[in-house]
């Protein structure tokens, strides 16, 4: 899986990132007046994603439209090996995608185990808006996408295929590991003060065929309560699912926790449950409340996230973590 250092070297967007990287900050929950609009997203590829989302927010658009537009950037980037096109395949060589989206009115849509469709986040939104359901999976999700104007494409890039074939020589299945977690989650508040979020991934590299993680599960990788706040997750999805991570964080914020403290409490629940091999696992949470305050917390100390607002011009921050 691509590392942040590898991404900087390989991505065509790298040259534009360095001015922002010089503004790298440690995590600190922002306080004070309501900050809007604002967009947050996970990892270094959140910088170009935020830039696209900001175009929508700055023009007065909905947070829902912003997050959908934003996460499509890493979904379509062949140099990002953990989200969509270019994603590392499962152990059988299939690139399978999971995605979900949620708006300010508890409307949500999701797809899981989807193959051959470039932008699963757009399919997830269509599930939300055109069906009575929340989640479609596998062949059903693909059939729905094709019937609604999406076209089938080969998402396994030559680079990803080469890495998979190298892995096949030993076929050592190690689903955990601190370099196997780079989902993009994005949450935003628009000029009207409304919240939305999106999450999309190609999942754990070389996973069992058919595995679905937390990314398409509302309440696990993503949750939005427009009266309270929004949260998203990245990392080993199984651990996020165990505690209904994003929903847990939003509920904690509804009970007076700051976004940072809510994320920290969720990580501590994972550590309490997991106990063994916790140093081999990364999970990171990112949260935003109705007042525009935000925070992040992770198990390991390498979790980075991107922030874009009128006062924070698409900077990269490093979150607090359990293992500093």
C-alpha atoms as a PDB file:
ATOM      1  CA  UNK A   1       0.000   0.000   0.000  1.00  0.00           C
ATOM      2  CA  UNK A   2       1.217   3.449  -0.768  1.00  0.00           C
ATOM      3  CA  UNK A   3       2.716   5.350   2.149  1.00  0.00           C
ATOM      4  CA  UNK A   4       2.418   9.064   2.662  1.00  0.00           C
ATOM      5  CA  UNK A   5       6.081   9.411   1.650  1.00  0.00           C
ATOM      6  CA  UNK A   6       5.496   7.289  -1.430  1.00  0.00           C
ATOM      7  CA  UNK A   7       2.429   9.300  -2.308  1.00  0.00           C
ATOM      8  CA  UNK A   8       4.379  12.547  -2.180  1.00  0.00           C
ATOM      9  CA  UNK A   9       7.013  11.143  -4.502  1.00  0.00           C
ATOM     10  CA  UNK A  10       4.694   9.484  -6.967  1.00  0.00           C
ATOM     11  CA  UNK A  11       1.564  11.604  -7.269  1.00  0.00           C
ATOM     12  CA  UNK A  12       1.203  14.195  -9.950  1.00  0.00           C
ATOM     13  CA  UNK A  13      -0.292  16.393  -7.267  1.00  0.00           C
ATOM     14  CA  UNK A  14       2.820  16.325  -5.143  1.00  0.00           C
ATOM     15  CA  UNK A  15       4.277  19.608  -6.333  1.00  0.00           C
ATOM     16  CA  UNK A  16       1.207  21.431  -5.147  1.00  0.00           C
ATOM     17  CA  UNK A  17       1.307  19.824  -1.721  1.00  0.00           C
ATOM     18  CA  UNK A  18       4.639  21.099  -0.440  1.00  0.00           C
ATOM     19  CA  UNK A  19       3.494  24.652   0.361  1.00  0.00           C
ATOM     20  CA  UNK A  20       0.851  23.116   2.583  1.00  0.00           C
ATOM     21  CA  UNK A  21       3.193  20.607   4.180  1.00  0.00           C
ATOM     22  CA  UNK A  22       5.348  23.452   5.436  1.00  0.00           C
ATOM     23  CA  UNK A  23       2.325  24.511   7.481  1.00  0.00           C
ATOM     24  CA  UNK A  24       2.077  21.089   9.180  1.00  0.00           C
ATOM     25  CA  UNK A  25       0.539  21.344  12.662  1.00  0.00           C
ATOM     26  CA  UNK A  26      -0.077  19.068  15.607  1.00  0.00           C
ATOM     27  CA  UNK A  27      -3.718  18.425  16.442  1.00  0.00           C
ATOM     28  CA  UNK A  28      -5.589  20.949  18.512  1.00  0.00           C
ATOM     29  CA  UNK A  29      -9.345  21.229  18.758  1.00  0.00           C
ATOM     30  CA  UNK A  30     -10.310  24.649  17.471  1.00  0.00           C
ATOM     31  CA  UNK A  31     -12.611  26.755  19.605  1.00  0.00           C
ATOM     32  CA  UNK A  32     -14.367  30.083  19.462  1.00  0.00           C
ATOM     33  CA  UNK A  33     -16.938  31.335  16.976  1.00  0.00           C
ATOM     34  CA  UNK A  34     -18.730  29.041  14.590  1.00  0.00           C
ATOM     35  CA  UNK A  35     -16.418  28.124  11.715  1.00  0.00           C
ATOM     36  CA  UNK A  36     -18.234  27.668   8.425  1.00  0.00           C
ATOM     37  CA  UNK A  37     -17.809  26.539   5.831  1.00  0.00           C
ATOM     38  CA  UNK A  38     -15.244  23.934   6.801  1.00  0.00           C
ATOM     39  CA  UNK A  39     -14.123  20.598   5.351  1.00  0.00           C
ATOM     40  CA  UNK A  40     -11.983  17.907   6.974  1.00  0.00           C
ATOM     41  CA  UNK A  41     -10.647  14.692   5.477  1.00  0.00           C
ATOM     42  CA  UNK A  42      -8.256  11.897   6.342  1.00  0.00           C
ATOM     43  CA  UNK A  43      -4.647  11.473   5.196  1.00  0.00           C
ATOM     44  CA  UNK A  44      -2.466  13.441   2.814  1.00  0.00           C
ATOM     45  CA  UNK A  45      -4.702  12.793  -0.185  1.00  0.00           C
ATOM     46  CA  UNK A  46      -7.288  14.772   1.753  1.00  0.00           C
ATOM     47  CA  UNK A  47      -5.493  17.919   0.566  1.00  0.00           C
ATOM     48  CA  UNK A  48      -6.509  17.665  -3.099  1.00  0.00           C
ATOM     49  CA  UNK A  49      -9.859  16.212  -2.012  1.00  0.00           C
ATOM     50  CA  UNK A  50     -10.519  19.192   0.258  1.00  0.00           C
ATOM     51  CA  UNK A  51      -9.578  21.584  -2.513  1.00  0.00           C
ATOM     52  CA  UNK A  52     -12.313  20.152  -4.718  1.00  0.00           C
ATOM     53  CA  UNK A  53     -14.850  20.156  -1.880  1.00  0.00           C
ATOM     54  CA  UNK A  54     -13.978  23.756  -1.063  1.00  0.00           C
ATOM     55  CA  UNK A  55     -14.990  24.865  -4.567  1.00  0.00           C
ATOM     56  CA  UNK A  56     -18.529  23.781  -3.702  1.00  0.00           C
ATOM     57  CA  UNK A  57     -18.553  25.207  -0.175  1.00  0.00           C
ATOM     58  CA  UNK A  58     -17.036  28.548  -1.135  1.00  0.00           C
ATOM     59  CA  UNK A  59     -19.727  29.017  -3.776  1.00  0.00           C
ATOM     60  CA  UNK A  60     -22.420  28.465  -1.149  1.00  0.00           C
ATOM     61  CA  UNK A  61     -23.137  24.855  -2.100  1.00  0.00           C
ATOM     62  CA  UNK A  62     -24.358  22.065   0.144  1.00  0.00           C
ATOM     63  CA  UNK A  63     -21.992  20.107   2.312  1.00  0.00           C
ATOM     64  CA  UNK A  64     -23.455  16.974   0.707  1.00  0.00           C
ATOM     65  CA  UNK A  65     -22.367  18.057  -2.768  1.00  0.00           C
ATOM     66  CA  UNK A  66     -18.969  19.101  -1.414  1.00  0.00           C
ATOM     67  CA  UNK A  67     -18.102  15.759   0.180  1.00  0.00           C
ATOM     68  CA  UNK A  68     -19.266  13.810  -2.857  1.00  0.00           C
ATOM     69  CA  UNK A  69     -17.115  15.948  -5.153  1.00  0.00           C
ATOM     70  CA  UNK A  70     -14.143  15.892  -2.814  1.00  0.00           C
ATOM     71  CA  UNK A  71     -13.710  12.169  -2.298  1.00  0.00           C
ATOM     72  CA  UNK A  72     -13.944  11.526  -6.029  1.00  0.00           C
ATOM     73  CA  UNK A  73     -10.433  12.969  -6.362  1.00  0.00           C
ATOM     74  CA  UNK A  74      -8.633  10.101  -4.566  1.00  0.00           C
ATOM     75  CA  UNK A  75     -11.195   7.622  -5.943  1.00  0.00           C
ATOM     76  CA  UNK A  76      -9.962   8.439  -9.443  1.00  0.00           C
ATOM     77  CA  UNK A  77      -6.245   8.826  -8.686  1.00  0.00           C
ATOM     78  CA  UNK A  78      -4.190   5.780  -9.816  1.00  0.00           C
ATOM     79  CA  UNK A  79      -1.408   6.775  -7.427  1.00  0.00           C
ATOM     80  CA  UNK A  80      -3.626   6.233  -4.375  1.00  0.00           C
ATOM     81  CA  UNK A  81      -3.582   2.511  -3.708  1.00  0.00           C
ATOM     82  CA  UNK A  82      -6.172   2.402  -0.927  1.00  0.00           C
ATOM     83  CA  UNK A  83      -9.305   4.118  -2.227  1.00  0.00           C
ATOM     84  CA  UNK A  84     -10.575   3.362  -5.761  1.00  0.00           C
ATOM     85  CA  UNK A  85      -8.873   3.269  -9.146  1.00  0.00           C
ATOM     86  CA  UNK A  86      -5.401   1.974  -8.385  1.00  0.00           C
ATOM     87  CA  UNK A  87      -6.534   0.318  -5.173  1.00  0.00           C
ATOM     88  CA  UNK A  88      -4.672  -2.830  -4.236  1.00  0.00           C
ATOM     89  CA  UNK A  89      -6.840  -5.888  -4.895  1.00  0.00           C
ATOM     90  CA  UNK A  90      -8.073  -8.665  -2.672  1.00  0.00           C
ATOM     91  CA  UNK A  91      -6.181 -11.964  -2.484  1.00  0.00           C
ATOM     92  CA  UNK A  92      -7.912 -13.155  -5.680  1.00  0.00           C
ATOM     93  CA  UNK A  93      -6.910 -10.071  -7.681  1.00  0.00           C
ATOM     94  CA  UNK A  94     -10.239  -8.226  -7.540  1.00  0.00           C
ATOM     95  CA  UNK A  95     -10.492  -4.518  -6.703  1.00  0.00           C
ATOM     96  CA  UNK A  96     -13.642  -4.293  -4.588  1.00  0.00           C
ATOM     97  CA  UNK A  97     -14.942  -0.977  -3.326  1.00  0.00           C
ATOM     98  CA  UNK A  98     -16.964   0.179  -0.316  1.00  0.00           C
ATOM     99  CA  UNK A  99     -18.510   3.625   0.083  1.00  0.00           C
ATOM    100  CA  UNK A 100     -21.170   5.569   1.945  1.00  0.00           C
ATOM    101  CA  UNK A 101     -22.597   9.076   2.167  1.00  0.00           C
ATOM    102  CA  UNK A 102     -24.888  10.814   4.685  1.00  0.00           C
ATOM    103  CA  UNK A 103     -26.575  14.219   4.675  1.00  0.00           C
ATOM    104  CA  UNK A 104     -28.018  16.668   7.213  1.00  0.00           C
ATOM    105  CA  UNK A 105     -31.417  14.975   7.317  1.00  0.00           C
ATOM    106  CA  UNK A 106     -30.319  11.429   8.293  1.00  0.00           C
ATOM    107  CA  UNK A 107     -30.572  10.382   4.646  1.00  0.00           C
ATOM    108  CA  UNK A 108     -27.829   7.952   3.716  1.00  0.00           C
ATOM    109  CA  UNK A 109     -26.717   5.569   0.986  1.00  0.00           C
ATOM    110  CA  UNK A 110     -24.091   2.894   0.707  1.00  0.00           C
ATOM    111  CA  UNK A 111     -22.507   0.347  -1.606  1.00  0.00           C
ATOM    112  CA  UNK A 112     -20.262  -2.550  -0.669  1.00  0.00           C
ATOM    113  CA  UNK A 113     -18.219  -5.182  -2.509  1.00  0.00           C
ATOM    114  CA  UNK A 114     -18.687  -3.204  -5.720  1.00  0.00           C
ATOM    115  CA  UNK A 115     -16.445  -4.010  -8.704  1.00  0.00           C
ATOM    116  CA  UNK A 116     -15.722  -2.166 -11.933  1.00  0.00           C
ATOM    117  CA  UNK A 117     -17.224   1.238 -11.124  1.00  0.00           C
ATOM    118  CA  UNK A 118     -14.862   4.212 -10.872  1.00  0.00           C
ATOM    119  CA  UNK A 119     -16.772   6.367  -8.376  1.00  0.00           C
ATOM    120  CA  UNK A 120     -18.671   4.292  -5.815  1.00  0.00           C
ATOM    121  CA  UNK A 121     -19.476   7.419  -3.788  1.00  0.00           C
ATOM    122  CA  UNK A 122     -21.728   8.570  -6.633  1.00  0.00           C
ATOM    123  CA  UNK A 123     -23.467   5.204  -6.679  1.00  0.00           C
ATOM    124  CA  UNK A 124     -23.945   5.427  -2.908  1.00  0.00           C
ATOM    125  CA  UNK A 125     -25.603   8.815  -3.280  1.00  0.00           C
ATOM    126  CA  UNK A 126     -27.842   7.441  -6.022  1.00  0.00           C
ATOM    127  CA  UNK A 127     -28.862   4.581  -3.722  1.00  0.00           C
ATOM    128  CA  UNK A 128     -29.783   7.212  -1.142  1.00  0.00           C
ATOM    129  CA  UNK A 129     -31.792   9.347  -3.547  1.00  0.00           C
ATOM    130  CA  UNK A 130     -33.323   6.856  -5.994  1.00  0.00           C
ATOM    131  CA  UNK A 131     -34.142   3.777  -3.909  1.00  0.00           C
ATOM    132  CA  UNK A 132     -36.020   3.032  -0.678  1.00  0.00           C
ATOM    133  CA  UNK A 133     -32.872   1.287   0.595  1.00  0.00           C
ATOM    134  CA  UNK A 134     -29.656   2.310   2.291  1.00  0.00           C
ATOM    135  CA  UNK A 135     -27.200  -0.347   1.085  1.00  0.00           C
ATOM    136  CA  UNK A 136     -26.681  -2.326  -2.119  1.00  0.00           C
ATOM    137  CA  UNK A 137     -23.867  -4.856  -2.433  1.00  0.00           C
ATOM    138  CA  UNK A 138     -21.935  -6.893  -4.968  1.00  0.00           C
ATOM    139  CA  UNK A 139     -23.571  -7.726  -8.277  1.00  0.00           C
ATOM    140  CA  UNK A 140     -26.752  -5.973  -7.252  1.00  0.00           C
ATOM    141  CA  UNK A 141     -24.897  -2.738  -6.627  1.00  0.00           C
ATOM    142  CA  UNK A 142     -23.074  -3.089  -9.935  1.00  0.00           C
ATOM    143  CA  UNK A 143     -26.283  -3.804 -11.834  1.00  0.00           C
ATOM    144  CA  UNK A 144     -27.906  -0.747 -10.252  1.00  0.00           C
ATOM    145  CA  UNK A 145     -24.932   1.420 -11.246  1.00  0.00           C
ATOM    146  CA  UNK A 146     -24.954   0.214 -14.853  1.00  0.00           C
ATOM    147  CA  UNK A 147     -28.697   0.737 -15.131  1.00  0.00           C
ATOM    148  CA  UNK A 148     -28.223   4.322 -13.978  1.00  0.00           C
ATOM    149  CA  UNK A 149     -25.608   5.391 -16.480  1.00  0.00           C
ATOM    150  CA  UNK A 150     -22.333   4.308 -14.919  1.00  0.00           C
ATOM    151  CA  UNK A 151     -19.925   2.368 -17.111  1.00  0.00           C
ATOM    152  CA  UNK A 152     -17.850  -0.632 -16.187  1.00  0.00           C
ATOM    153  CA  UNK A 153     -14.076  -0.123 -16.094  1.00  0.00           C
ATOM    154  CA  UNK A 154     -11.001  -2.113 -15.150  1.00  0.00           C
ATOM    155  CA  UNK A 155      -9.813  -0.605 -11.855  1.00  0.00           C
ATOM    156  CA  UNK A 156      -6.736  -2.818 -11.454  1.00  0.00           C
ATOM    157  CA  UNK A 157      -3.833  -0.654 -12.611  1.00  0.00           C
ATOM    158  CA  UNK A 158      -0.569  -2.190 -13.864  1.00  0.00           C
ATOM    159  CA  UNK A 159       1.177  -0.942 -10.718  1.00  0.00           C
ATOM    160  CA  UNK A 160      -1.375  -2.546  -8.404  1.00  0.00           C
ATOM    161  CA  UNK A 161      -1.357  -5.778 -10.398  1.00  0.00           C
ATOM    162  CA  UNK A 162       2.433  -5.956 -10.190  1.00  0.00           C
ATOM    163  CA  UNK A 163       2.352  -5.556  -6.397  1.00  0.00           C
ATOM    164  CA  UNK A 164      -0.351  -8.203  -6.104  1.00  0.00           C
ATOM    165  CA  UNK A 165       1.659 -10.685  -8.189  1.00  0.00           C
ATOM    166  CA  UNK A 166       4.695 -10.055  -6.004  1.00  0.00           C
ATOM    167  CA  UNK A 167       2.572 -10.714  -2.940  1.00  0.00           C
ATOM    168  CA  UNK A 168       1.254 -13.930  -4.517  1.00  0.00           C
ATOM    169  CA  UNK A 169       4.746 -15.432  -4.420  1.00  0.00           C
ATOM    170  CA  UNK A 170       4.404 -15.802  -0.660  1.00  0.00           C
ATOM    171  CA  UNK A 171       0.712 -15.074  -0.135  1.00  0.00           C
ATOM    172  CA  UNK A 172       1.174 -14.125   3.476  1.00  0.00           C
ATOM    173  CA  UNK A 173      -2.186 -12.752   4.547  1.00  0.00           C
ATOM    174  CA  UNK A 174      -1.586  -9.979   7.064  1.00  0.00           C
ATOM    175  CA  UNK A 175      -4.773  -7.906   7.155  1.00  0.00           C
ATOM    176  CA  UNK A 176      -3.523  -5.789  10.002  1.00  0.00           C
ATOM    177  CA  UNK A 177      -0.518  -3.549   9.958  1.00  0.00           C
ATOM    178  CA  UNK A 178       0.063   0.150  10.323  1.00  0.00           C
ATOM    179  CA  UNK A 179       0.367   0.648   6.555  1.00  0.00           C
ATOM    180  CA  UNK A 180      -2.960  -0.961   5.697  1.00  0.00           C
ATOM    181  CA  UNK A 181      -5.560   1.595   6.595  1.00  0.00           C
ATOM    182  CA  UNK A 182      -5.715   4.593   4.277  1.00  0.00           C
ATOM    183  CA  UNK A 183      -9.455   5.097   3.721  1.00  0.00           C
ATOM    184  CA  UNK A 184     -10.616   8.612   2.914  1.00  0.00           C
ATOM    185  CA  UNK A 185     -13.337   9.935   5.169  1.00  0.00           C
ATOM    186  CA  UNK A 186     -14.594  13.490   4.681  1.00  0.00           C
ATOM    187  CA  UNK A 187     -16.939  15.607   6.809  1.00  0.00           C
ATOM    188  CA  UNK A 188     -18.033  19.177   6.156  1.00  0.00           C
ATOM    189  CA  UNK A 189     -20.216  22.039   7.326  1.00  0.00           C
ATOM    190  CA  UNK A 190     -21.570  24.499   4.755  1.00  0.00           C
ATOM    191  CA  UNK A 191     -22.447  28.190   4.905  1.00  0.00           C
ATOM    192  CA  UNK A 192     -25.955  27.310   6.055  1.00  0.00           C
ATOM    193  CA  UNK A 193     -24.525  25.398   8.999  1.00  0.00           C
ATOM    194  CA  UNK A 194     -25.542  21.991   7.668  1.00  0.00           C
ATOM    195  CA  UNK A 195     -23.332  18.913   7.928  1.00  0.00           C
ATOM    196  CA  UNK A 196     -22.670  15.957   5.631  1.00  0.00           C
ATOM    197  CA  UNK A 197     -20.044  13.249   5.246  1.00  0.00           C
ATOM    198  CA  UNK A 198     -18.639  10.644   2.877  1.00  0.00           C
ATOM    199  CA  UNK A 199     -16.323   7.666   3.173  1.00  0.00           C
ATOM    200  CA  UNK A 200     -14.831   5.534   0.399  1.00  0.00           C
ATOM    201  CA  UNK A 201     -12.150   2.841   0.125  1.00  0.00           C
ATOM    202  CA  UNK A 202     -10.787  -0.195  -1.677  1.00  0.00           C
ATOM    203  CA  UNK A 203     -10.347  -1.818   1.721  1.00  0.00           C
ATOM    204  CA  UNK A 204      -7.550  -3.857   3.208  1.00  0.00           C
ATOM    205  CA  UNK A 205      -4.995  -4.953   0.641  1.00  0.00           C
ATOM    206  CA  UNK A 206      -5.080  -8.681  -0.213  1.00  0.00           C
ATOM    207  CA  UNK A 207      -8.167  -9.203   1.965  1.00  0.00           C
ATOM    208  CA  UNK A 208     -10.322 -12.311   1.650  1.00  0.00           C
ATOM    209  CA  UNK A 209     -12.577 -12.070  -1.392  1.00  0.00           C
ATOM    210  CA  UNK A 210     -15.913 -10.819  -0.145  1.00  0.00           C
ATOM    211  CA  UNK A 211     -14.590  -8.970   2.887  1.00  0.00           C
ATOM    212  CA  UNK A 212     -16.400  -5.733   3.716  1.00  0.00           C
ATOM    213  CA  UNK A 213     -15.039  -3.309   6.291  1.00  0.00           C
ATOM    214  CA  UNK A 214     -16.492  -0.355   8.128  1.00  0.00           C
ATOM    215  CA  UNK A 215     -16.406   2.154   5.262  1.00  0.00           C
ATOM    216  CA  UNK A 216     -19.892   1.462   3.834  1.00  0.00           C
ATOM    217  CA  UNK A 217     -21.527   1.015   7.239  1.00  0.00           C
ATOM    218  CA  UNK A 218     -23.473   3.998   8.528  1.00  0.00           C
ATOM    219  CA  UNK A 219     -22.619   4.430  12.203  1.00  0.00           C
ATOM    220  CA  UNK A 220     -19.270   2.708  11.889  1.00  0.00           C
ATOM    221  CA  UNK A 221     -17.063   4.687   9.478  1.00  0.00           C
ATOM    222  CA  UNK A 222     -19.463   7.612   9.130  1.00  0.00           C
ATOM    223  CA  UNK A 223     -22.294   9.247  11.017  1.00  0.00           C
ATOM    224  CA  UNK A 224     -23.977  12.653  10.822  1.00  0.00           C
ATOM    225  CA  UNK A 225     -26.458  14.218  13.225  1.00  0.00           C
ATOM    226  CA  UNK A 226     -27.093  17.737  12.000  1.00  0.00           C
ATOM    227  CA  UNK A 227     -28.054  18.933  15.484  1.00  0.00           C
ATOM    228  CA  UNK A 228     -24.797  17.685  16.981  1.00  0.00           C
ATOM    229  CA  UNK A 229     -21.954  16.928  14.586  1.00  0.00           C
ATOM    230  CA  UNK A 230     -20.321  14.405  12.282  1.00  0.00           C
ATOM    231  CA  UNK A 231     -17.547  11.834  12.558  1.00  0.00           C
ATOM    232  CA  UNK A 232     -15.608   9.556  10.261  1.00  0.00           C
ATOM    233  CA  UNK A 233     -13.053   6.786  10.670  1.00  0.00           C
ATOM    234  CA  UNK A 234     -10.021   5.299   8.998  1.00  0.00           C
ATOM    235  CA  UNK A 235      -8.045   2.198   9.871  1.00  0.00           C
ATOM    236  CA  UNK A 236      -8.779  -1.455  10.439  1.00  0.00           C
ATOM    237  CA  UNK A 237     -12.508  -1.564   9.859  1.00  0.00           C
ATOM    238  CA  UNK A 238     -13.212  -4.593  12.001  1.00  0.00           C
ATOM    239  CA  UNK A 239     -12.142  -2.645  15.081  1.00  0.00           C
ATOM    240  CA  UNK A 240     -14.267   0.366  14.125  1.00  0.00           C
ATOM    241  CA  UNK A 241     -17.335  -1.820  13.592  1.00  0.00           C
ATOM    242  CA  UNK A 242     -16.977  -3.391  17.051  1.00  0.00           C
ATOM    243  CA  UNK A 243     -17.664  -0.071  18.757  1.00  0.00           C
ATOM    244  CA  UNK A 244     -19.896   1.587  16.105  1.00  0.00           C
ATOM    245  CA  UNK A 245     -17.151   4.189  16.062  1.00  0.00           C
ATOM    246  CA  UNK A 246     -18.602   7.204  14.258  1.00  0.00           C
ATOM    247  CA  UNK A 247     -22.001   6.915  15.937  1.00  0.00           C
ATOM    248  CA  UNK A 248     -20.319   6.533  19.323  1.00  0.00           C
ATOM    249  CA  UNK A 249     -18.367   9.758  18.762  1.00  0.00           C
ATOM    250  CA  UNK A 250     -21.417  11.742  17.689  1.00  0.00           C
ATOM    251  CA  UNK A 251     -23.362  10.484  20.706  1.00  0.00           C
ATOM    252  CA  UNK A 252     -20.508  11.489  23.004  1.00  0.00           C
ATOM    253  CA  UNK A 253     -20.512  14.960  21.452  1.00  0.00           C
ATOM    254  CA  UNK A 254     -24.271  15.162  22.085  1.00  0.00           C
ATOM    255  CA  UNK A 255     -23.443  14.590  25.753  1.00  0.00           C
ATOM    256  CA  UNK A 256     -20.984  17.470  25.913  1.00  0.00           C
ATOM    257  CA  UNK A 257     -17.700  15.939  24.764  1.00  0.00           C
ATOM    258  CA  UNK A 258     -15.480  18.032  22.530  1.00  0.00           C
ATOM    259  CA  UNK A 259     -14.709  16.453  19.154  1.00  0.00           C
ATOM    260  CA  UNK A 260     -11.167  15.659  20.323  1.00  0.00           C
ATOM    261  CA  UNK A 261     -12.286  14.083  23.593  1.00  0.00           C
ATOM    262  CA  UNK A 262     -14.978  12.077  21.822  1.00  0.00           C
ATOM    263  CA  UNK A 263     -12.449  10.683  19.332  1.00  0.00           C
ATOM    264  CA  UNK A 264     -10.062   9.864  22.171  1.00  0.00           C
ATOM    265  CA  UNK A 265     -12.786   8.035  24.102  1.00  0.00           C
ATOM    266  CA  UNK A 266     -13.604   5.929  21.023  1.00  0.00           C
ATOM    267  CA  UNK A 267      -9.950   4.962  20.559  1.00  0.00           C
ATOM    268  CA  UNK A 268      -9.711   4.023  24.227  1.00  0.00           C
ATOM    269  CA  UNK A 269     -12.716   1.701  23.809  1.00  0.00           C
ATOM    270  CA  UNK A 270     -10.943  -0.067  20.957  1.00  0.00           C
ATOM    271  CA  UNK A 271      -7.777  -0.457  23.012  1.00  0.00           C
ATOM    272  CA  UNK A 272      -9.735  -1.808  25.982  1.00  0.00           C
ATOM    273  CA  UNK A 273     -11.491  -4.385  23.797  1.00  0.00           C
ATOM    274  CA  UNK A 274      -8.571  -5.378  21.613  1.00  0.00           C
ATOM    275  CA  UNK A 275      -5.840  -5.693  24.236  1.00  0.00           C
ATOM    276  CA  UNK A 276      -3.590  -7.948  22.146  1.00  0.00           C
ATOM    277  CA  UNK A 277      -1.595  -6.813  19.097  1.00  0.00           C
ATOM    278  CA  UNK A 278      -2.821  -3.254  19.518  1.00  0.00           C
ATOM    279  CA  UNK A 279       0.547  -1.885  18.434  1.00  0.00           C
ATOM    280  CA  UNK A 280       0.043  -3.543  15.043  1.00  0.00           C
ATOM    281  CA  UNK A 281      -3.289  -1.803  14.432  1.00  0.00           C
ATOM    282  CA  UNK A 282      -4.135   1.705  13.311  1.00  0.00           C
ATOM    283  CA  UNK A 283      -7.525   3.329  13.752  1.00  0.00           C
ATOM    284  CA  UNK A 284      -8.064   7.066  13.509  1.00  0.00           C
ATOM    285  CA  UNK A 285     -11.175   9.152  14.095  1.00  0.00           C
ATOM    286  CA  UNK A 286     -12.012  12.647  12.881  1.00  0.00           C
ATOM    287  CA  UNK A 287     -14.948  14.666  14.244  1.00  0.00           C
ATOM    288  CA  UNK A 288     -16.653  18.005  13.702  1.00  0.00           C
ATOM    289  CA  UNK A 289     -19.392  19.535  15.808  1.00  0.00           C
ATOM    290  CA  UNK A 290     -22.210  21.919  14.933  1.00  0.00           C
ATOM    291  CA  UNK A 291     -20.120  24.879  16.113  1.00  0.00           C
ATOM    292  CA  UNK A 292     -17.330  24.182  13.660  1.00  0.00           C
ATOM    293  CA  UNK A 293     -15.011  22.777  16.326  1.00  0.00           C
ATOM    294  CA  UNK A 294     -13.058  19.706  15.273  1.00  0.00           C
ATOM    295  CA  UNK A 295     -10.609  17.160  16.603  1.00  0.00           C
ATOM    296  CA  UNK A 296      -8.912  13.870  15.796  1.00  0.00           C
ATOM    297  CA  UNK A 297      -7.373  10.996  17.719  1.00  0.00           C
ATOM    298  CA  UNK A 298      -5.735   7.730  16.662  1.00  0.00           C
ATOM    299  CA  UNK A 299      -4.149   4.588  18.021  1.00  0.00           C
ATOM    300  CA  UNK A 300      -0.789   5.163  16.309  1.00  0.00           C
ATOM    301  CA  UNK A 301       1.034   8.461  15.941  1.00  0.00           C
ATOM    302  CA  UNK A 302       1.055   8.655  12.132  1.00  0.00           C
ATOM    303  CA  UNK A 303      -2.562   9.681  11.531  1.00  0.00           C
ATOM    304  CA  UNK A 304      -2.737  12.858   9.431  1.00  0.00           C
ATOM    305  CA  UNK A 305      -5.755  14.823   8.301  1.00  0.00           C
ATOM    306  CA  UNK A 306      -6.419  17.852   6.133  1.00  0.00           C
ATOM    307  CA  UNK A 307      -8.371  20.988   7.074  1.00  0.00           C
ATOM    308  CA  UNK A 308      -9.789  23.658   4.767  1.00  0.00           C
ATOM    309  CA  UNK A 309     -11.641  26.753   5.956  1.00  0.00           C
ATOM    310  CA  UNK A 310     -11.455  30.496   5.444  1.00  0.00           C
ATOM    311  CA  UNK A 311      -8.804  30.681   8.164  1.00  0.00           C
ATOM    312  CA  UNK A 312      -6.992  27.369   7.602  1.00  0.00           C
ATOM    313  CA  UNK A 313      -6.091  27.172   3.941  1.00  0.00           C
ATOM    314  CA  UNK A 314      -5.963  23.418   3.318  1.00  0.00           C
ATOM    315  CA  UNK A 315      -3.283  22.513   5.819  1.00  0.00           C
ATOM    316  CA  UNK A 316      -2.215  19.078   6.965  1.00  0.00           C
ATOM    317  CA  UNK A 317      -2.343  18.254  10.661  1.00  0.00           C
ATOM    318  CA  UNK A 318      -1.123  15.376  12.758  1.00  0.00           C
ATOM    319  CA  UNK A 319      -3.583  14.015  15.274  1.00  0.00           C
ATOM    320  CA  UNK A 320      -3.001  13.193  18.888  1.00  0.00           C
ATOM    321  CA  UNK A 321      -2.645   9.470  19.490  1.00  0.00           C
ATOM    322  CA  UNK A 322      -2.553   6.801  22.169  1.00  0.00           C
ATOM    323  CA  UNK A 323       0.975   5.754  21.212  1.00  0.00           C
ATOM    324  CA  UNK A 324       2.712   9.127  20.917  1.00  0.00           C
END
